[in-house]
Structures are given as C-alpha cells and as structure tokens.
C-alpha cells in the first residue's frame, strides 16, 4: 500500500478509536479489517503481562512473538512458560537468531562486549523482522510516559521502515494504571522486579536499579545506548527512549 494511503488509514483509525480504552483498542484492532493481521510482540518483561492478559481475554489465538536472544535471564524464560500456560496463549512463537548468522557473527557469544548495537540487530531486530513477515502490523507495549520522544504517541502509527502498522494500546497509560491493572486482575509479576529490576532485558546488559534511579538506568548501564533497535521513528532506529 502506498505510504500516503497507509498514513491516511492510520489517521482514520486514531480518530475512530481516540476515546476507547486500552482493552477496547486491543479488541477492535484484532478484529478490524482496516488494521489487518496483527501479532503481539512481547519480551515477557516487567510489564508485559498487561498486554498479554488483554490479548488472552479478547482473542487468545492471536500470534504472540517472543524473541529468545539466548542471553535472557533464566527467570524470564520460566516466567514466559508460566504466563503462556496461565493465560492460555494458543499461538506462542519463540524465535531465535539463525544458527548460520550466529556462527558467522558471534561464534563465541562475545559480540555484546564489542558492539551492543550489532548484537541487538543479530539477536533481536533481524529475527523479529523475519517473524513479522506476513503480518500487516504488530502490537507493542510502548507508552507516552516512557520518554519525551513518545510524548505524542498515538494508538496507531506507521512503521516507515516496513510499511506495517504499530498498535500501542497502552499509549495513554501511567505507571499507576499498569500497577492497578495487574492488581485488579491478580497477574503475576516478573520475579526480577522485586529484586530491583524494573526494566529487564538480556542478562549481560541489565543491572539492578537503585532507589531513585531512572527505571531504565539498568539497561546498558554507562552506555549511551537505550534502545535495542526494534522500534523505528521516521524511518530511523530509535536510540533514545524506552523499549517495550
């Protein structure tokens, strides 16, 4: 579809659903032919359970894509298995980097020590783009409060690099909304949250966060990098902000 047509379609979707709740946006997006075929991309991280639960109660057969970088915390892998069973996720797709790519680019698993961007592309971005082939868009957990670059985030947006629609049902939520939803639905927390990890990525690149620190300060600590690279804004990989 031409980019202008897609932009017009996204603008119309934002107008149509501008007063809807997050659950309603998920429900309508998964059934609206104007949105197309969607997958939920989830890291099974600190706040992932909210969207996973919304999808499970609206359309449990929705494809859920989980990128296993093979450097995740054991707790994340266990949490992923527990949530998939508890929420009855019927189409969970676990993706990893192609063995040939791993052998060529990171045979000794030390790429993250030399080039974190290249490591993220190898282990996250490339597998995700492969997994999204055939989908018209994907659901993310991004929110306006996460950074200044997302202050105007809408429910629907165009991913310029691929021509897909990105759906952000939690765009208008606050941290308090997230906690309230988890409490009201009695959803299990990621076990690392209680141990000082409010934002959870790969084990080598994630550290605990001290009281008063920014929740994202434990990701790629002491580096300028703040994004894994799976999100794009205006056709460029985002380097400031927060990943879903």
Protein backbone atom coordinates (compact mmCIF):
# COMPACT_ATOMS: atom_id res chain seq x y z
CA UNK A 1 0.00 0.00 0.00
CA UNK A 2 1.33 3.49 -0.85
CA UNK A 3 2.69 5.31 2.19
CA UNK A 4 0.19 8.17 1.90
CA UNK A 5 -2.73 5.73 1.83
CA UNK A 6 -1.37 3.93 4.87
CA UNK A 7 -0.89 7.21 6.74
CA UNK A 8 -4.48 8.18 5.95
CA UNK A 9 -5.72 4.81 7.16
CA UNK A 10 -3.78 5.15 10.42
CA UNK A 11 -5.10 8.68 10.91
CA UNK A 12 -8.65 7.40 10.45
CA UNK A 13 -8.05 4.58 12.95
CA UNK A 14 -6.76 7.02 15.55
CA UNK A 15 -9.83 9.19 15.03
CA UNK A 16 -12.18 6.21 15.25
CA UNK A 17 -10.73 4.83 18.47
CA UNK A 18 -9.48 8.02 20.16
CA UNK A 19 -11.88 7.70 23.10
CA UNK A 20 -11.58 3.95 23.56
CA UNK A 21 -9.96 2.17 26.49
CA UNK A 22 -6.80 0.12 26.08
CA UNK A 23 -8.74 -3.16 26.21
CA UNK A 24 -11.19 -1.87 23.61
CA UNK A 25 -8.32 -0.81 21.32
CA UNK A 26 -6.83 -4.30 21.57
CA UNK A 27 -10.20 -5.92 20.91
CA UNK A 28 -11.10 -3.72 17.95
CA UNK A 29 -7.61 -3.80 16.44
CA UNK A 30 -7.62 -7.59 16.43
CA UNK A 31 -10.96 -7.69 14.62
CA UNK A 32 -10.90 -4.57 12.41
CA UNK A 33 -10.13 -5.41 8.75
CA UNK A 34 -8.71 -1.90 8.34
CA UNK A 35 -5.91 -2.84 10.73
CA UNK A 36 -5.12 -6.17 9.13
CA UNK A 37 -3.41 -9.23 10.55
CA UNK A 38 -1.61 -8.49 13.82
CA UNK A 39 0.83 -10.19 16.14
CA UNK A 40 1.70 -9.21 19.68
CA UNK A 41 5.45 -8.84 20.20
CA UNK A 42 6.30 -9.43 23.85
CA UNK A 43 9.55 -9.52 25.81
CA UNK A 44 7.79 -11.16 28.79
CA UNK A 45 9.46 -8.45 30.82
CA UNK A 46 8.45 -6.35 33.81
CA UNK A 47 5.14 -5.01 32.43
CA UNK A 48 4.47 -7.43 29.58
CA UNK A 49 1.78 -9.34 31.45
CA UNK A 50 -0.70 -6.46 30.99
CA UNK A 51 -0.91 -6.70 27.21
CA UNK A 52 -0.59 -10.47 27.25
CA UNK A 53 -3.63 -10.62 29.52
CA UNK A 54 -5.61 -8.20 27.33
CA UNK A 55 -4.90 -10.31 24.27
CA UNK A 56 -5.79 -13.52 26.11
CA UNK A 57 -9.25 -12.22 27.04
CA UNK A 58 -10.03 -10.71 23.66
CA UNK A 59 -8.51 -13.14 21.18
CA UNK A 60 -6.38 -15.87 22.74
CA UNK A 61 -5.40 -17.25 19.33
CA UNK A 62 -3.50 -14.05 18.47
CA UNK A 63 0.09 -14.88 17.48
CA UNK A 64 2.48 -13.89 20.27
CA UNK A 65 6.10 -13.44 19.20
CA UNK A 66 8.82 -13.89 21.81
CA UNK A 67 12.43 -13.31 20.78
CA UNK A 68 14.75 -15.56 22.77
CA UNK A 69 18.14 -13.90 22.44
CA UNK A 70 19.72 -16.87 24.23
CA UNK A 71 21.12 -14.35 26.70
CA UNK A 72 17.97 -13.83 28.74
CA UNK A 73 17.68 -14.34 32.47
CA UNK A 74 16.55 -17.81 33.48
CA UNK A 75 13.76 -16.08 35.42
CA UNK A 76 12.45 -14.56 32.17
CA UNK A 77 12.33 -17.94 30.45
CA UNK A 78 10.50 -19.52 33.38
CA UNK A 79 8.11 -16.55 33.59
CA UNK A 80 7.40 -16.85 29.87
CA UNK A 81 6.44 -20.50 30.25
CA UNK A 82 4.25 -19.82 33.28
CA UNK A 83 2.39 -16.95 31.61
CA UNK A 84 1.84 -18.85 28.39
CA UNK A 85 0.18 -21.64 30.34
CA UNK A 86 -1.75 -19.44 32.75
CA UNK A 87 -3.10 -17.13 30.03
CA UNK A 88 -3.72 -19.96 27.57
CA UNK A 89 -1.73 -18.30 24.79
CA UNK A 90 -2.61 -20.53 21.86
CA UNK A 91 -0.11 -19.34 19.28
CA UNK A 92 3.15 -18.54 21.03
CA UNK A 93 6.06 -18.28 18.60
CA UNK A 94 9.55 -18.41 20.08
CA UNK A 95 12.18 -17.06 17.70
CA UNK A 96 15.95 -17.09 17.82
CA UNK A 97 18.72 -15.84 15.56
CA UNK A 98 19.54 -18.11 12.64
CA UNK A 99 22.34 -20.55 13.55
CA UNK A 100 24.27 -19.58 10.41
CA UNK A 101 24.13 -15.91 11.39
CA UNK A 102 25.24 -16.71 14.92
CA UNK A 103 28.15 -18.79 13.68
CA UNK A 104 29.27 -16.05 11.30
CA UNK A 105 28.82 -13.02 13.56
CA UNK A 106 29.01 -14.21 17.16
CA UNK A 107 30.57 -17.67 17.34
CA UNK A 108 31.95 -17.16 20.86
CA UNK A 109 28.98 -15.16 22.29
CA UNK A 110 31.09 -12.08 22.93
CA UNK A 111 29.63 -9.69 20.36
CA UNK A 112 27.76 -7.81 23.11
CA UNK A 113 31.12 -6.90 24.66
CA UNK A 114 32.38 -5.38 21.42
CA UNK A 115 29.29 -3.93 19.74
CA UNK A 116 25.97 -3.92 21.58
CA UNK A 117 24.10 -2.48 18.60
CA UNK A 118 25.30 -5.27 16.32
CA UNK A 119 24.39 -7.83 18.97
CA UNK A 120 20.83 -6.48 19.21
CA UNK A 121 20.44 -6.49 15.44
CA UNK A 122 21.66 -10.09 15.27
CA UNK A 123 19.67 -11.45 18.19
CA UNK A 124 16.54 -9.23 18.20
CA UNK A 125 15.90 -6.99 15.23
CA UNK A 126 16.60 -9.43 12.42
CA UNK A 127 14.67 -12.36 13.96
CA UNK A 128 11.73 -10.06 14.67
CA UNK A 129 11.53 -8.74 11.12
CA UNK A 130 11.61 -12.33 9.87
CA UNK A 131 8.88 -13.32 12.32
CA UNK A 132 6.66 -10.40 11.24
CA UNK A 133 6.71 -11.42 7.58
CA UNK A 134 3.11 -11.87 6.50
CA UNK A 135 1.68 -9.60 9.20
CA UNK A 136 0.17 -6.18 8.49
CA UNK A 137 1.21 -4.85 11.86
CA UNK A 138 2.14 -5.60 15.45
CA UNK A 139 1.05 -4.68 18.95
CA UNK A 140 3.58 -3.02 21.26
CA UNK A 141 3.59 -2.00 24.91
CA UNK A 142 5.00 1.50 24.39
CA UNK A 143 3.62 4.36 26.46
CA UNK A 144 3.79 8.15 26.38
CA UNK A 145 5.28 8.45 29.85
CA UNK A 146 8.34 6.44 28.94
CA UNK A 147 10.24 9.25 27.22
CA UNK A 148 9.97 12.64 25.58
CA UNK A 149 10.15 11.06 22.13
CA UNK A 150 6.90 9.26 22.91
CA UNK A 151 5.01 12.19 24.40
CA UNK A 152 2.68 12.34 21.39
CA UNK A 153 2.38 8.58 20.85
CA UNK A 154 -0.96 7.53 19.37
CA UNK A 155 -2.82 4.23 19.42
CA UNK A 156 -1.87 3.59 15.79
CA UNK A 157 1.21 4.63 13.84
CA UNK A 158 3.05 3.77 10.64
CA UNK A 159 6.35 1.94 10.81
CA UNK A 160 8.09 3.68 7.93
CA UNK A 161 10.82 1.09 7.52
CA UNK A 162 8.39 -1.75 6.80
CA UNK A 163 5.05 -0.17 5.95
CA UNK A 164 3.41 -2.00 8.85
CA UNK A 165 1.00 -0.58 11.40
CA UNK A 166 2.12 -0.44 15.01
CA UNK A 167 -0.61 -0.58 17.62
CA UNK A 168 0.10 1.00 21.02
CA UNK A 169 -2.94 0.26 23.24
CA UNK A 170 -1.17 1.47 26.39
CA UNK A 171 -0.03 4.78 24.87
CA UNK A 172 -2.02 6.90 27.35
CA UNK A 173 -1.45 4.79 30.46
CA UNK A 174 0.54 5.85 33.51
CA UNK A 175 2.71 3.65 35.75
CA UNK A 176 -0.16 3.68 38.24
CA UNK A 177 -2.54 2.37 35.57
CA UNK A 178 -0.18 -0.53 34.94
CA UNK A 179 0.02 -1.46 38.62
CA UNK A 180 -3.73 -1.11 39.12
CA UNK A 181 -4.47 -3.40 36.18
CA UNK A 182 -2.06 -6.05 37.47
CA UNK A 183 -3.55 -5.84 40.96
CA UNK A 184 -7.17 -5.96 39.84
CA UNK A 185 -6.55 -8.96 37.60
CA UNK A 186 -4.20 -10.66 40.05
CA UNK A 187 -1.49 -11.02 37.47
CA UNK A 188 1.89 -12.46 38.45
CA UNK A 189 4.89 -10.13 38.38
CA UNK A 190 8.20 -10.94 36.80
CA UNK A 191 10.28 -12.30 39.70
CA UNK A 192 13.18 -9.94 39.00
CA UNK A 193 11.08 -6.83 39.62
CA UNK A 194 11.14 -7.47 43.37
CA UNK A 195 14.91 -7.80 43.16
CA UNK A 196 15.46 -4.30 41.77
CA UNK A 197 15.00 -4.83 38.02
CA UNK A 198 12.15 -2.53 36.85
CA UNK A 199 13.27 -2.95 33.23
CA UNK A 200 14.51 -6.35 32.10
CA UNK A 201 16.49 -7.26 29.00
CA UNK A 202 19.38 -9.60 28.33
CA UNK A 203 21.36 -10.71 31.36
CA UNK A 204 24.78 -9.30 30.33
CA UNK A 205 23.29 -5.87 29.59
CA UNK A 206 20.90 -5.46 32.54
CA UNK A 207 21.77 -4.47 36.11
CA UNK A 208 19.66 -3.70 39.21
CA UNK A 209 18.39 -0.16 39.70
CA UNK A 210 18.89 1.71 42.97
CA UNK A 211 16.03 3.60 44.63
CA UNK A 212 15.61 6.99 42.98
CA UNK A 213 17.33 5.99 39.74
CA UNK A 214 15.53 6.11 36.42
CA UNK A 215 13.90 2.70 35.82
CA UNK A 216 15.81 2.38 32.55
CA UNK A 217 19.22 3.13 34.07
CA UNK A 218 19.92 -0.56 34.49
CA UNK A 219 19.76 -1.21 30.75
CA UNK A 220 23.13 -0.86 29.01
CA UNK A 221 24.45 0.97 32.08
CA UNK A 222 27.18 3.55 31.44
CA UNK A 223 26.47 3.49 27.70
CA UNK A 224 24.62 5.98 25.51
CA UNK A 225 22.53 3.13 24.14
CA UNK A 226 18.96 2.98 25.47
CA UNK A 227 17.14 1.01 22.74
CA UNK A 228 17.51 -2.49 21.37
CA UNK A 229 16.57 -1.21 17.92
CA UNK A 230 13.26 -2.96 17.24
CA UNK A 231 11.39 0.36 17.12
CA UNK A 232 11.77 2.95 14.41
CA UNK A 233 10.66 6.58 14.26
CA UNK A 234 10.55 8.40 10.95
CA UNK A 235 12.45 5.57 9.33
CA UNK A 236 15.36 5.68 11.76
CA UNK A 237 16.30 3.36 14.59
CA UNK A 238 15.44 4.95 17.92
CA UNK A 239 18.40 5.48 20.24
CA UNK A 240 16.64 7.45 22.98
CA UNK A 241 13.63 6.33 24.90
CA UNK A 242 12.31 3.08 26.19
CA UNK A 243 11.68 -0.22 24.51
CA UNK A 244 8.51 -2.14 25.03
